[in-house]
Amino acid sequence: MKNLTSKKNNFSHLSPMELINPKAKPTYFNRPQMLAQLIGARTTVIVAGRRTGKTDSIAAPYTLKMMQRMPGSTGGIVVPTFKHGLTNTLPGLFAAWERWGYKKGVHYVVGRRPPKSFAKPITEPHDWEQVISFYNGSVAVILSQDRTGAANSLTLSWLLIDEAKFIDPVRLHEETFPANGGIKTHFSRHSFNHAVLILSDMPQSKKGSWFLEYEKKMNPEVIHAIEAGVYEQWRQKQKILEMRKKGIEPPAYLRGHLRRLDANINKLRSIATYYREYSSVENVQLLGEQYLRDMKRDLTPLTFQTSIMCQKIGIARDGFYSSMKEGHKYNDSDFEYLDHIGYDFHPEALDCRADRDLDRYKPICIGMDYNANINWIVAGQPDEALGRLNILKSFYVKYERKLPALIAEFCRYYAHHKCKTVVYYYDTTALGSNYAVNSVDFRHTIIDEFSKRGWYVAATPLGNPMRHEEKYHLINHGFAGHNRLTPYFNRQNNDDLILAIQSAGVTRGRNGFHKDKSGEKLAETEDDRLELRTDGTDAFDTLYIGCENFPYFGSSFVDASGVM
């Protein structure tokens, strides 16, 4: 056995990571992230809550692996809307790549033909506008479902599907999955050729639950065999590292055993489906049982069920908005503007010019909710001819940011709107108090803040707040299409509002039933955020009641019966 005792080959001072790659830097991955990478199944589905690092440390290493190990390949990054890809998925990927040493403009370019120094892809895209190009010839095409035919004529070797609960499964199966046939002659040796990674948090509608079916496709025995193989692989590598640290050359049979082990693991990966849901119980050893008891005590039952236990639910049939369906959500982006700003846009460039559903020459109607910890604006425009109320966008500010900051945010977003008029609907809760700003009441503060920014406010009183039971019937009749206006939500501009509406429950007492607002009194936690409680739904209620019962036509108002 050859003894490696020379200074050049003495590895005893190096860590195991430095022995593998002297330039490597330690990177922390939590348990879900590590398992997804180590299992490496051809089909991986991860359902986990927000802030678990799905994009940063599951999607980012996955896409790097696909593009690095299959040079010249074409992959697809599927997002529900192009706007979502610009603001959520791509920035997360690019930030992680940057940390790991991959720089935009050096190792990859976005939205343009790559430089001549880059290798050529096996199949060149017809259009580079929606493409990420890597230096080794690999490309990733951004496939947004609000652009028709995005996957047509593509031949893909891998897919990343982000925010799967918002993805249309019919279009995915008819257009995108067939494209993931890959170029078998080039990459058939790889276990991850035709790989699919699906990421989402827990869906709250039947249509958004399509990917939960993958749980039935997972063979636990295959996953256990991969886990055992990976552990044995690690054990043998540790043995080799220890030998090299002592200056001993590992025997050939040990290296051969590692190669055979790796080949066997990859055969299993090539047929494997890996499905996992992650709740707080997964971390019980770190959090402790008392944490779970406290959460069960402090959170509403619905919040505990979804945020802690990660259990599957839909729109509550006995919830306050029980008539709301998946069809009440829509996507409507202005692609010409989004293409114009490109991928290196300043965040403030993403404003109302990206919204195709906005009628730029009509007033914007708003409903608001006022609270010491969170304040909301829900903005919409009625379309009398089509009988619909488009909920264009919702805004909120929290804690020390109060109404002036909220209105400033609204005015910045709609700075390019041609009609600087807001129809401000309010009830008596806006009068006589203002714990969100100062001693002047909400109504006065709101009108003043809009006026200072050059907007005209058509302030429209609704009187006393509508009784919960009456409000319930009015709004659910609206969702059912029985009123003058049916509400529809721009999905990409109202994520948190939609979740809050879908999870709003009902309480019953001696005075009838009410929207369950008990959660508003609780302290905010990581798993029970203020923006997912009922405050925002109250702002929506005010907007809908105002637009339905008090339509605005120029300088005049009419009530629901048509009387001036």
Protein backbone atom coordinates (compact mmCIF):
# COMPACT_ATOMS: atom_id res chain seq x y z
CA MET A 1 0.00 0.00 0.00
CA LYS A 2 1.45 3.34 -1.07
CA ASN A 3 2.15 5.76 1.75
CA LEU A 4 1.28 9.38 0.93
CA THR A 5 3.51 11.11 3.46
CA SER A 6 4.95 13.90 1.31
CA LYS A 7 3.96 17.49 2.14
CA LYS A 8 2.15 17.74 -1.18
CA ASN A 9 -0.11 14.77 -0.45
CA ASN A 10 -0.58 15.13 3.30
CA PHE A 11 -4.35 15.71 3.82
CA SER A 12 -4.40 15.32 7.61
CA HIS A 13 -5.00 19.06 8.18
CA LEU A 14 -8.02 19.22 5.86
CA SER A 15 -11.71 18.73 6.68
CA PRO A 16 -13.73 16.07 4.78
CA MET A 17 -15.38 18.81 2.68
CA GLU A 18 -11.97 20.29 1.81
CA LEU A 19 -10.72 16.85 0.81
CA ILE A 20 -13.54 16.55 -1.70
CA ASN A 21 -13.26 20.15 -2.95
CA PRO A 22 -10.63 22.50 -1.45
CA LYS A 23 -12.65 25.56 -2.56
CA ALA A 24 -15.93 24.35 -1.06
CA LYS A 25 -17.67 26.50 1.54
CA PRO A 26 -19.96 24.99 4.21
CA THR A 27 -23.64 25.34 3.30
CA TYR A 28 -26.46 24.73 5.74
CA PHE A 29 -29.51 22.74 4.60
CA ASN A 30 -32.39 21.82 6.90
CA ARG A 31 -33.81 18.30 7.04
CA PRO A 32 -36.41 18.62 4.22
CA GLN A 33 -33.82 20.27 1.96
CA MET A 34 -31.14 17.63 2.64
CA LEU A 35 -33.51 14.71 2.14
CA ALA A 36 -34.84 16.05 -1.16
CA GLN A 37 -31.26 16.33 -2.48
CA LEU A 38 -29.95 13.04 -1.08
CA ILE A 39 -32.93 10.96 -2.22
CA GLY A 40 -32.69 12.56 -5.68
CA ALA A 41 -35.79 10.80 -7.03
CA ARG A 42 -36.73 11.41 -10.65
CA THR A 43 -40.09 12.74 -9.43
CA THR A 44 -40.00 14.77 -6.20
CA VAL A 45 -43.01 16.50 -4.63
CA ILE A 46 -42.47 18.69 -1.56
CA VAL A 47 -45.48 20.21 0.22
CA ALA A 48 -44.31 22.57 2.95
CA GLY A 49 -45.25 25.86 4.56
CA ARG A 50 -43.84 29.25 3.77
CA ARG A 51 -40.27 30.09 4.76
CA THR A 52 -39.10 26.49 4.65
CA GLY A 53 -36.63 27.34 1.88
CA LYS A 54 -38.35 25.53 -0.99
CA THR A 55 -37.06 27.84 -3.72
CA ASP A 56 -33.75 28.79 -2.10
CA SER A 57 -32.47 25.37 -1.07
CA ILE A 58 -34.54 22.77 -2.93
CA ALA A 59 -35.31 24.34 -6.32
CA ALA A 60 -31.97 26.20 -6.67
CA PRO A 61 -29.66 23.17 -6.18
CA TYR A 62 -32.02 21.03 -8.28
CA THR A 63 -31.88 23.38 -11.29
CA LEU A 64 -28.10 23.72 -10.96
CA LYS A 65 -27.73 19.95 -10.93
CA MET A 66 -29.90 19.55 -14.02
CA MET A 67 -28.04 22.20 -16.02
CA GLN A 68 -24.55 21.27 -14.85
CA ARG A 69 -24.81 17.51 -15.29
CA MET A 70 -26.69 17.57 -18.59
CA PRO A 71 -24.73 20.16 -20.61
CA GLY A 72 -26.67 21.47 -23.59
CA SER A 73 -29.99 20.23 -22.23
CA THR A 74 -33.28 22.15 -22.14
CA GLY A 75 -35.38 22.32 -18.97
CA GLY A 76 -38.62 24.03 -18.08
CA ILE A 77 -39.47 26.22 -15.08
CA VAL A 78 -43.27 26.18 -14.79
CA VAL A 79 -44.90 29.08 -12.91
CA PRO A 80 -48.59 30.00 -12.65
CA THR A 81 -48.04 33.50 -14.05
CA PHE A 82 -45.12 35.30 -15.63
CA LYS A 83 -45.43 38.01 -12.98
CA HIS A 84 -45.08 35.37 -10.24
CA GLY A 85 -41.97 34.02 -11.92
CA LEU A 86 -40.44 37.50 -12.11
CA THR A 87 -41.15 38.39 -8.48
CA ASN A 88 -40.97 35.07 -6.60
CA THR A 89 -39.36 32.09 -8.32
CA LEU A 90 -36.51 33.60 -10.35
CA PRO A 91 -35.16 36.04 -7.70
CA GLY A 92 -34.96 33.15 -5.22
CA LEU A 93 -33.06 30.97 -7.69
CA PHE A 94 -30.68 33.74 -8.71
CA ALA A 95 -29.94 34.74 -5.10
CA ALA A 96 -29.03 31.17 -4.16
CA TRP A 97 -26.86 30.71 -7.25
CA GLU A 98 -25.07 33.96 -6.44
CA ARG A 99 -24.23 32.70 -2.93
CA TRP A 100 -22.77 29.56 -4.45
CA GLY A 101 -20.55 31.51 -6.86
CA TYR A 102 -22.67 31.50 -10.05
CA LYS A 103 -22.90 35.08 -11.29
CA LYS A 104 -25.41 36.56 -13.72
CA GLY A 105 -23.65 37.78 -16.85
CA VAL A 106 -20.69 35.49 -16.20
CA HIS A 107 -22.05 31.97 -15.72
CA TYR A 108 -25.54 32.57 -17.10
CA VAL A 109 -27.63 35.18 -18.86
CA VAL A 110 -31.38 35.75 -18.83
CA GLY A 111 -33.77 36.86 -21.56
CA ARG A 112 -31.22 37.35 -24.34
CA ARG A 113 -29.05 35.40 -26.74
CA PRO A 114 -26.00 34.09 -24.82
CA PRO A 115 -22.49 35.33 -25.69
CA LYS A 116 -20.40 33.39 -28.22
CA SER A 117 -18.14 32.20 -25.39
CA PHE A 118 -21.02 30.04 -24.08
CA ALA A 119 -21.42 26.50 -25.42
CA LYS A 120 -24.38 26.00 -27.74
CA PRO A 121 -27.46 24.08 -26.56
CA ILE A 122 -28.31 20.83 -28.33
CA THR A 123 -31.59 22.40 -29.43
CA GLU A 124 -31.54 26.19 -29.73
CA PRO A 125 -34.71 28.02 -28.61
CA HIS A 126 -36.69 29.88 -31.29
CA ASP A 127 -36.86 32.89 -28.95
CA TRP A 128 -34.41 33.73 -26.16
CA GLU A 129 -36.73 36.15 -24.35
CA GLN A 130 -38.01 33.63 -21.78
CA VAL A 131 -34.77 31.64 -21.45
CA ILE A 132 -32.00 31.27 -18.86
CA SER A 133 -28.80 30.26 -20.67
CA PHE A 134 -25.89 28.59 -18.82
CA TYR A 135 -22.25 28.77 -19.90
CA ASN A 136 -22.18 25.02 -20.71
CA GLY A 137 -25.03 25.26 -23.24
CA SER A 138 -27.84 24.23 -20.90
CA VAL A 139 -30.98 26.35 -21.02
CA ALA A 140 -34.09 26.68 -18.87
CA VAL A 141 -37.27 27.99 -20.48
CA ILE A 142 -39.66 29.96 -18.25
CA LEU A 143 -43.11 28.46 -18.87
CA SER A 144 -45.83 30.67 -17.40
CA GLN A 145 -49.34 29.30 -17.67
CA ASP A 146 -50.85 32.70 -18.39
CA ARG A 147 -49.02 32.64 -21.74
CA THR A 148 -50.75 30.22 -24.11
CA GLY A 149 -48.66 27.64 -25.95
CA ALA A 150 -45.50 28.30 -23.91
CA ALA A 151 -44.43 24.62 -24.03
CA ASN A 152 -45.33 24.02 -27.68
CA SER A 153 -42.58 22.42 -29.81
CA LEU A 154 -40.19 22.14 -26.84
CA THR A 155 -38.17 19.03 -26.02
CA LEU A 156 -37.35 19.12 -22.32
CA SER A 157 -35.07 17.06 -20.11
CA TRP A 158 -36.37 18.29 -16.74
CA LEU A 159 -39.12 20.33 -15.11
CA LEU A 160 -39.40 22.55 -12.05
CA ILE A 161 -43.03 23.30 -11.13
CA ASP A 162 -43.29 26.11 -8.58
CA GLU A 163 -46.43 27.16 -6.62
CA ALA A 164 -48.13 24.00 -7.84
CA LYS A 165 -51.40 24.81 -6.07
CA PHE A 166 -51.94 27.63 -8.61
CA ILE A 167 -51.02 25.49 -11.64
CA ASP A 168 -53.74 24.32 -14.04
CA PRO A 169 -53.27 20.51 -14.08
CA VAL A 170 -55.16 20.03 -17.36
CA ARG A 171 -52.82 22.35 -19.26
CA LEU A 172 -49.84 20.82 -17.47
CA HIS A 173 -50.75 17.29 -18.58
CA GLU A 174 -51.76 18.28 -22.10
CA GLU A 175 -48.95 20.72 -22.93
CA THR A 176 -46.00 20.50 -20.53
CA PHE A 177 -45.58 16.88 -19.44
CA PRO A 178 -45.52 15.59 -23.05
CA ALA A 179 -42.67 18.03 -23.76
CA ASN A 180 -40.60 16.48 -20.96
CA GLY A 181 -39.46 13.66 -23.24
CA GLY A 182 -35.88 14.84 -23.33
CA ILE A 183 -33.15 13.85 -25.76
CA LYS A 184 -32.68 10.22 -24.78
CA THR A 185 -29.55 9.61 -26.85
CA HIS A 186 -27.64 12.30 -24.96
CA PHE A 187 -28.75 11.84 -21.35
CA SER A 188 -30.17 8.33 -21.00
CA ARG A 189 -27.34 7.37 -18.64
CA HIS A 190 -28.53 9.90 -16.07
CA SER A 191 -31.05 8.76 -13.47
CA PHE A 192 -32.47 12.29 -13.38
CA ASN A 193 -33.18 12.62 -17.12
CA HIS A 194 -36.88 13.69 -17.44
CA ALA A 195 -36.85 14.64 -13.73
CA VAL A 196 -39.75 16.62 -12.22
CA LEU A 197 -39.62 18.70 -9.03
CA ILE A 198 -43.00 19.96 -7.75
CA LEU A 199 -43.10 22.54 -4.94
CA SER A 200 -46.05 24.09 -3.09
CA ASP A 201 -47.54 24.82 0.26
CA MET A 202 -50.74 23.04 1.27
CA PRO A 203 -53.58 23.82 -1.18
CA GLN A 204 -56.98 24.95 0.03
CA SER A 205 -59.06 24.07 -3.03
CA LYS A 206 -59.85 20.86 -4.89
CA LYS A 207 -58.42 22.11 -8.19
CA GLY A 208 -55.17 23.11 -6.50
CA SER A 209 -54.78 19.66 -4.93
CA TRP A 210 -53.79 17.75 -8.09
CA PHE A 211 -50.21 17.08 -6.98
CA LEU A 212 -51.27 15.48 -3.67
CA GLU A 213 -52.06 12.37 -5.72
CA TYR A 214 -48.33 11.71 -6.05
CA GLU A 215 -48.35 10.38 -2.49
CA LYS A 216 -50.11 7.26 -3.83
CA LYS A 217 -47.41 6.84 -6.51
CA MET A 218 -44.54 6.72 -4.02
CA ASN A 219 -43.18 3.26 -3.23
CA PRO A 220 -41.83 3.55 0.35
CA GLU A 221 -39.63 0.46 -0.11
CA VAL A 222 -37.79 2.10 -3.01
CA ILE A 223 -37.25 5.27 -0.94
CA HIS A 224 -36.01 3.23 2.03
CA ALA A 225 -33.58 1.36 -0.25
CA ILE A 226 -32.23 4.68 -1.56
CA GLU A 227 -31.85 5.98 1.98
CA ALA A 228 -29.96 2.84 3.01
CA GLY A 229 -27.74 3.09 -0.06
CA VAL A 230 -26.97 6.77 0.55
CA TYR A 231 -26.07 6.00 4.15
CA GLU A 232 -23.77 3.15 3.10
CA GLN A 233 -22.22 5.42 0.49
CA TRP A 234 -21.54 8.06 3.14
CA ARG A 235 -20.08 5.42 5.49
CA GLN A 236 -17.66 4.13 2.86
CA LYS A 237 -16.62 7.67 1.86
CA GLN A 238 -15.90 8.45 5.50
CA LYS A 239 -13.72 5.33 5.66
CA ILE A 240 -11.78 6.48 2.59
CA LEU A 241 -11.36 9.99 3.99
CA GLU A 242 -10.05 8.62 7.29
CA MET A 243 -7.56 6.47 5.41
CA ARG A 244 -6.34 9.42 3.36
CA LYS A 245 -6.02 11.60 6.45
CA LYS A 246 -3.64 8.93 7.78
CA GLY A 247 -1.70 8.94 4.51
CA ILE A 248 -3.00 5.55 3.37
CA GLU A 249 -4.15 5.00 -0.23
CA PRO A 250 -7.61 3.31 -0.20
CA PRO A 251 -7.64 -0.16 -1.81
CA ALA A 252 -9.08 -0.50 -5.30
CA TYR A 253 -11.88 -2.82 -4.17
CA LEU A 254 -13.24 -0.07 -1.88
CA ARG A 255 -13.41 2.43 -4.74
CA GLY A 256 -15.01 -0.22 -6.94
CA HIS A 257 -17.59 -0.92 -4.24
CA LEU A 258 -18.47 2.80 -4.18
CA ARG A 259 -18.93 2.87 -7.95
CA ARG A 260 -21.25 -0.16 -7.89
CA LEU A 261 -23.16 1.31 -4.95
CA ASP A 262 -23.60 4.58 -6.80
CA ALA A 263 -24.86 2.78 -9.91
CA ASN A 264 -27.41 0.80 -7.87
CA ILE A 265 -28.68 3.92 -6.08
CA ASN A 266 -29.11 5.73 -9.40
CA LYS A 267 -31.11 2.83 -10.84
CA LEU A 268 -33.51 3.17 -7.92
CA ARG A 269 -33.64 6.96 -8.29
CA SER A 270 -34.59 6.63 -11.96
CA ILE A 271 -37.86 4.88 -11.03
CA ALA A 272 -38.55 6.63 -7.73
CA THR A 273 -41.29 9.07 -6.74
CA TYR A 274 -40.57 10.94 -3.52
CA TYR A 275 -43.48 12.74 -1.78
CA ARG A 276 -43.24 14.58 1.52
CA GLU A 277 -45.36 16.98 3.57
CA TYR A 278 -43.68 18.95 6.32
CA SER A 279 -45.43 20.17 9.45
CA SER A 280 -44.09 21.47 12.73
CA VAL A 281 -44.32 17.95 14.15
CA GLU A 282 -41.36 17.03 11.93
CA ASN A 283 -39.25 19.25 14.19
CA VAL A 284 -40.71 18.09 17.50
CA GLN A 285 -37.27 17.13 18.84
CA LEU A 286 -36.09 20.71 18.27
CA LEU A 287 -39.31 22.53 19.16
CA GLY A 288 -40.41 20.33 22.03
CA GLU A 289 -43.88 18.97 22.74
CA GLN A 290 -44.79 22.05 24.76
CA TYR A 291 -44.55 24.19 21.63
CA LEU A 292 -47.20 22.06 19.94
CA ARG A 293 -49.43 22.24 23.02
CA ASP A 294 -49.06 26.04 23.08
CA MET A 295 -49.93 26.32 19.38
CA LYS A 296 -53.00 24.13 19.80
CA ARG A 297 -54.11 26.34 22.69
CA ASP A 298 -53.36 29.71 21.06
CA LEU A 299 -54.33 29.21 17.41
CA THR A 300 -57.76 28.83 15.87
CA PRO A 301 -58.59 25.18 15.01
CA LEU A 302 -58.36 25.86 11.26
CA THR A 303 -54.98 27.59 11.55
CA PHE A 304 -53.61 24.80 13.74
CA GLN A 305 -54.89 22.21 11.28
CA THR A 306 -53.21 23.81 8.25
CA SER A 307 -50.17 25.67 9.60
CA ILE A 308 -49.03 23.21 12.28
CA MET A 309 -50.43 19.82 11.30
CA CYS A 310 -50.20 20.45 7.51
CA GLN A 311 -53.55 18.73 6.99
CA LYS A 312 -55.47 18.90 3.74
CA ILE A 313 -58.52 21.16 3.63
CA GLY A 314 -60.57 22.94 1.01
CA ILE A 315 -62.82 25.98 1.11
CA ALA A 316 -64.88 25.33 4.23
CA ARG A 317 -68.37 24.32 3.20
CA ASP A 318 -69.69 25.96 6.33
CA GLY A 319 -67.24 28.86 6.08
CA PHE A 320 -68.30 32.47 5.79
CA TYR A 321 -67.58 32.57 2.04
CA SER A 322 -68.82 29.09 1.22
CA SER A 323 -69.99 30.01 -2.30
CA MET A 324 -66.55 31.10 -3.47
CA LYS A 325 -65.16 28.72 -6.10
CA GLU A 326 -61.91 28.31 -8.01
CA GLY A 327 -63.58 30.01 -10.97
CA HIS A 328 -63.72 33.27 -9.03
CA LYS A 329 -59.95 33.70 -9.53
CA TYR A 330 -58.21 34.87 -12.70
CA ASN A 331 -54.82 35.89 -14.13
CA ASP A 332 -54.49 38.91 -16.41
CA SER A 333 -51.00 40.35 -16.95
CA ASP A 334 -49.81 42.84 -19.54
CA PHE A 335 -47.03 40.79 -21.16
CA GLU A 336 -45.93 43.62 -23.42
CA TYR A 337 -45.02 45.67 -20.36
CA LEU A 338 -43.49 42.73 -18.46
CA ASP A 339 -41.34 41.84 -21.46
CA HIS A 340 -40.30 45.49 -21.72
CA ILE A 341 -38.98 45.75 -18.15
CA GLY A 342 -37.01 42.50 -18.50
CA TYR A 343 -35.47 40.46 -15.67
CA ASP A 344 -33.22 43.08 -14.07
CA PHE A 345 -36.04 45.43 -13.18
CA HIS A 346 -36.20 47.67 -10.13
CA PRO A 347 -39.01 46.43 -7.81
CA GLU A 348 -40.86 49.74 -8.18
CA ALA A 349 -41.15 49.14 -11.94
CA LEU A 350 -43.64 46.37 -11.18
CA ASP A 351 -46.74 48.53 -10.86
CA CYS A 352 -50.23 48.85 -12.34
CA ARG A 353 -48.78 48.91 -15.87
CA ALA A 354 -48.35 45.13 -15.51
CA ASP A 355 -52.11 44.63 -14.89
CA ARG A 356 -54.22 44.15 -18.01
CA ASP A 357 -57.50 43.97 -16.05
CA LEU A 358 -57.21 47.61 -14.93
CA ASP A 359 -59.40 50.08 -16.81
CA ARG A 360 -56.99 53.02 -16.77
CA TYR A 361 -59.65 55.66 -17.40
CA LYS A 362 -62.09 54.66 -14.64
CA PRO A 363 -61.98 55.38 -10.89
CA ILE A 364 -60.68 52.73 -8.51
CA CYS A 365 -63.07 51.68 -5.74
CA ILE A 366 -61.61 50.77 -2.35
CA GLY A 367 -62.72 49.20 0.91
CA MET A 368 -60.52 49.39 4.00
CA ASP A 369 -60.03 47.84 7.41
CA TYR A 370 -58.37 49.61 10.34
CA ASN A 371 -56.52 47.86 13.13
CA ALA A 372 -53.74 48.68 15.57
CA ASN A 373 -51.50 45.96 14.10
CA ILE A 374 -52.56 45.64 10.45
CA ASN A 375 -54.38 47.96 8.02
CA TRP A 376 -55.80 46.97 4.63
CA ILE A 377 -56.91 48.42 1.29
CA VAL A 378 -58.78 46.18 -1.14
CA ALA A 379 -59.08 47.80 -4.58
CA GLY A 380 -61.54 46.91 -7.32
CA GLN A 381 -63.39 48.09 -10.41
CA PRO A 382 -66.97 47.09 -11.28
CA ASP A 383 -67.76 46.16 -14.86
CA GLU A 384 -71.48 46.86 -15.09
CA ALA A 385 -71.80 45.45 -18.62
CA LEU A 386 -70.34 42.07 -17.64
CA GLY A 387 -71.85 42.05 -14.16
CA ARG A 388 -68.55 41.51 -12.38
CA LEU A 389 -66.46 43.24 -9.74
CA ASN A 390 -62.77 42.73 -10.44
CA ILE A 391 -60.76 42.70 -7.22
CA LEU A 392 -57.65 44.23 -8.74
CA LYS A 393 -55.21 44.24 -5.85
CA SER A 394 -54.97 44.28 -2.06
CA PHE A 395 -52.47 46.12 0.13
CA TYR A 396 -51.65 45.90 3.83
CA VAL A 397 -49.15 47.38 6.28
CA LYS A 398 -48.28 46.03 9.72
CA TYR A 399 -47.31 47.34 13.15
CA GLU A 400 -45.47 50.69 13.05
CA ARG A 401 -46.42 51.29 9.40
CA LYS A 402 -49.84 52.92 9.53
CA LEU A 403 -52.41 54.44 7.17
CA PRO A 404 -50.09 57.06 5.57
CA ALA A 405 -47.66 54.29 4.57
CA LEU A 406 -50.52 52.15 3.26
CA ILE A 407 -51.95 54.95 1.10
CA ALA A 408 -48.45 55.87 -0.12
CA GLU A 409 -48.00 52.26 -1.26
CA PHE A 410 -51.34 52.33 -3.11
CA CYS A 411 -50.50 55.65 -4.80
CA ARG A 412 -47.04 54.45 -5.84
CA TYR A 413 -48.50 51.33 -7.43
CA TYR A 414 -51.20 53.28 -9.28
CA ALA A 415 -49.03 56.31 -10.13
CA HIS A 416 -49.50 55.62 -13.86
CA HIS A 417 -53.28 55.25 -13.60
CA LYS A 418 -54.95 57.85 -15.83
CA CYS A 419 -57.95 58.56 -13.60
CA LYS A 420 -56.73 59.79 -10.20
CA THR A 421 -60.08 59.17 -8.43
CA VAL A 422 -60.74 56.71 -5.64
CA VAL A 423 -64.24 55.82 -4.57
CA TYR A 424 -63.72 55.30 -0.85
CA TYR A 425 -66.48 53.21 0.74
CA TYR A 426 -66.62 53.35 4.53
CA ASP A 427 -69.00 52.60 7.38
CA THR A 428 -69.20 54.17 10.83
CA THR A 429 -66.13 52.26 12.07
CA ALA A 430 -64.09 54.87 10.12
CA LEU A 431 -65.55 57.73 12.18
CA GLY A 432 -64.62 59.12 15.57
CA SER A 433 -61.42 57.17 16.27
CA ASN A 434 -58.01 56.52 14.79
CA TYR A 435 -55.75 54.21 16.76
CA ALA A 436 -53.91 53.57 13.48
CA VAL A 437 -52.49 57.12 13.20
CA ASN A 438 -53.41 59.93 15.60
CA SER A 439 -56.39 61.74 17.18
CA VAL A 440 -58.01 62.51 13.79
CA ASP A 441 -60.45 59.82 12.67
CA PHE A 442 -59.74 57.30 9.89
CA ARG A 443 -61.97 58.94 7.28
CA HIS A 444 -60.32 62.35 7.61
CA THR A 445 -56.81 60.88 7.57
CA ILE A 446 -57.49 58.77 4.48
CA ILE A 447 -59.00 61.64 2.47
CA ASP A 448 -56.15 63.91 3.51
CA GLU A 449 -53.42 61.39 2.58
CA PHE A 450 -54.91 60.73 -0.84
CA SER A 451 -55.41 64.45 -1.49
CA LYS A 452 -51.78 65.25 -0.62
CA ARG A 453 -50.74 62.80 -3.33
CA GLY A 454 -52.94 64.34 -6.01
CA TRP A 455 -55.92 61.99 -5.85
CA TYR A 456 -59.59 63.01 -5.68
CA VAL A 457 -61.58 61.03 -3.10
CA ALA A 458 -65.25 60.29 -3.66
CA ALA A 459 -66.02 59.44 -0.01
CA THR A 460 -69.12 57.24 0.15
CA PRO A 461 -70.71 56.44 3.54
CA LEU A 462 -72.41 53.07 3.99
CA GLY A 463 -73.91 53.81 7.41
CA ASN A 464 -73.67 51.33 10.25
CA PRO A 465 -71.78 48.07 9.59
CA MET A 466 -74.02 45.48 7.96
CA ARG A 467 -75.11 42.63 10.23
CA HIS A 468 -73.03 39.49 9.71
CA GLU A 469 -75.97 37.35 8.67
CA GLU A 470 -77.15 39.92 6.12
CA LYS A 471 -73.58 40.35 4.83
CA TYR A 472 -73.17 36.58 4.53
CA HIS A 473 -76.25 36.25 2.33
CA LEU A 474 -75.41 39.28 0.19
CA ILE A 475 -71.83 38.25 -0.59
CA ASN A 476 -72.52 34.55 -1.10
CA HIS A 477 -75.40 35.42 -3.44
CA GLY A 478 -72.84 37.54 -5.28
CA PHE A 479 -70.44 34.58 -5.59
CA ALA A 480 -73.35 32.45 -6.81
CA GLY A 481 -74.11 34.99 -9.56
CA HIS A 482 -77.49 36.08 -8.16
CA ASN A 483 -76.58 39.76 -7.57
CA ARG A 484 -75.86 42.61 -9.92
CA LEU A 485 -72.09 42.07 -9.47
CA THR A 486 -70.09 38.85 -9.07
CA PRO A 487 -66.66 39.24 -7.42
CA TYR A 488 -63.57 37.90 -9.21
CA PHE A 489 -60.04 38.05 -7.79
CA ASN A 490 -56.83 38.79 -9.66
CA ARG A 491 -54.96 35.81 -8.24
CA GLN A 492 -51.39 37.14 -8.45
CA ASN A 493 -52.29 40.45 -6.77
CA ASN A 494 -54.37 39.00 -3.91
CA ASP A 495 -52.56 35.90 -2.63
CA ASP A 496 -52.97 36.60 1.08
CA LEU A 497 -56.49 37.99 0.74
CA ILE A 498 -57.64 34.87 -1.13
CA LEU A 499 -56.18 32.60 1.56
CA ALA A 500 -57.84 34.66 4.29
CA ILE A 501 -61.22 34.49 2.52
CA GLN A 502 -60.96 30.74 1.93
CA SER A 503 -60.20 30.02 5.57
CA ALA A 504 -62.68 32.44 7.21
CA GLY A 505 -64.93 30.41 9.48
CA VAL A 506 -68.29 30.91 11.17
CA THR A 507 -69.26 31.04 14.83
CA ARG A 508 -72.81 30.62 16.10
CA GLY A 509 -74.31 32.20 19.19
CA ARG A 510 -77.61 33.32 20.63
CA ASN A 511 -77.69 36.28 18.20
CA GLY A 512 -77.22 34.11 15.12
CA PHE A 513 -74.00 33.36 13.30
CA HIS A 514 -70.98 35.59 12.72
CA LYS A 515 -67.73 35.53 10.84
CA ASP A 516 -65.19 33.97 13.21
CA LYS A 517 -62.93 36.89 14.06
CA SER A 518 -61.51 35.43 17.26
CA GLY A 519 -58.06 35.00 15.69
CA GLU A 520 -57.66 38.78 15.33
CA LYS A 521 -57.05 39.08 19.08
CA LEU A 522 -54.12 36.66 19.18
CA ALA A 523 -50.44 37.57 18.97
CA GLU A 524 -48.87 37.00 15.58
CA THR A 525 -46.67 33.91 15.23
CA GLU A 526 -44.62 32.43 12.39
CA ASP A 527 -47.47 30.00 11.70
CA ASP A 528 -50.38 32.40 12.23
CA ARG A 529 -49.63 35.62 10.35
CA LEU A 530 -51.80 38.72 10.63
CA GLU A 531 -52.37 38.96 6.87
CA LEU A 532 -54.10 35.56 6.79
CA ARG A 533 -56.69 36.50 9.42
CA THR A 534 -60.07 38.11 8.82
CA ASP A 535 -59.02 41.79 8.79
CA GLY A 536 -58.48 41.78 5.02
CA THR A 537 -61.78 39.99 4.44
CA ASP A 538 -63.57 42.86 6.22
CA ALA A 539 -62.02 45.32 3.76
CA PHE A 540 -63.26 43.13 0.90
CA ASP A 541 -66.75 43.04 2.45
CA THR A 542 -66.86 46.83 2.57
CA LEU A 543 -65.76 47.10 -1.05
CA TYR A 544 -68.32 44.58 -2.28
CA ILE A 545 -71.21 46.09 -0.27
CA GLY A 546 -70.32 49.54 -1.58
CA CYS A 547 -70.02 48.54 -5.24
CA GLU A 548 -73.15 46.37 -5.13
CA ASN A 549 -75.43 48.70 -3.19
CA PHE A 550 -73.96 52.16 -3.91
CA PRO A 551 -72.65 52.24 -7.51
CA TYR A 552 -70.60 55.27 -8.50
CA PHE A 553 -71.29 56.99 -11.84
CA GLY A 554 -69.22 60.15 -12.26
CA SER A 555 -70.25 62.61 -9.59
CA SER A 556 -73.47 60.76 -8.75
CA PHE A 557 -74.33 57.72 -6.68
CA VAL A 558 -77.32 55.46 -7.02
CA ASP A 559 -78.57 52.91 -4.57
CA ALA A 560 -79.14 49.27 -5.52
CA SER A 561 -82.66 50.02 -6.74
CA GLY A 562 -81.36 52.58 -9.26
CA VAL A 563 -82.70 55.63 -7.38
CA MET A 564 -80.40 58.70 -7.39
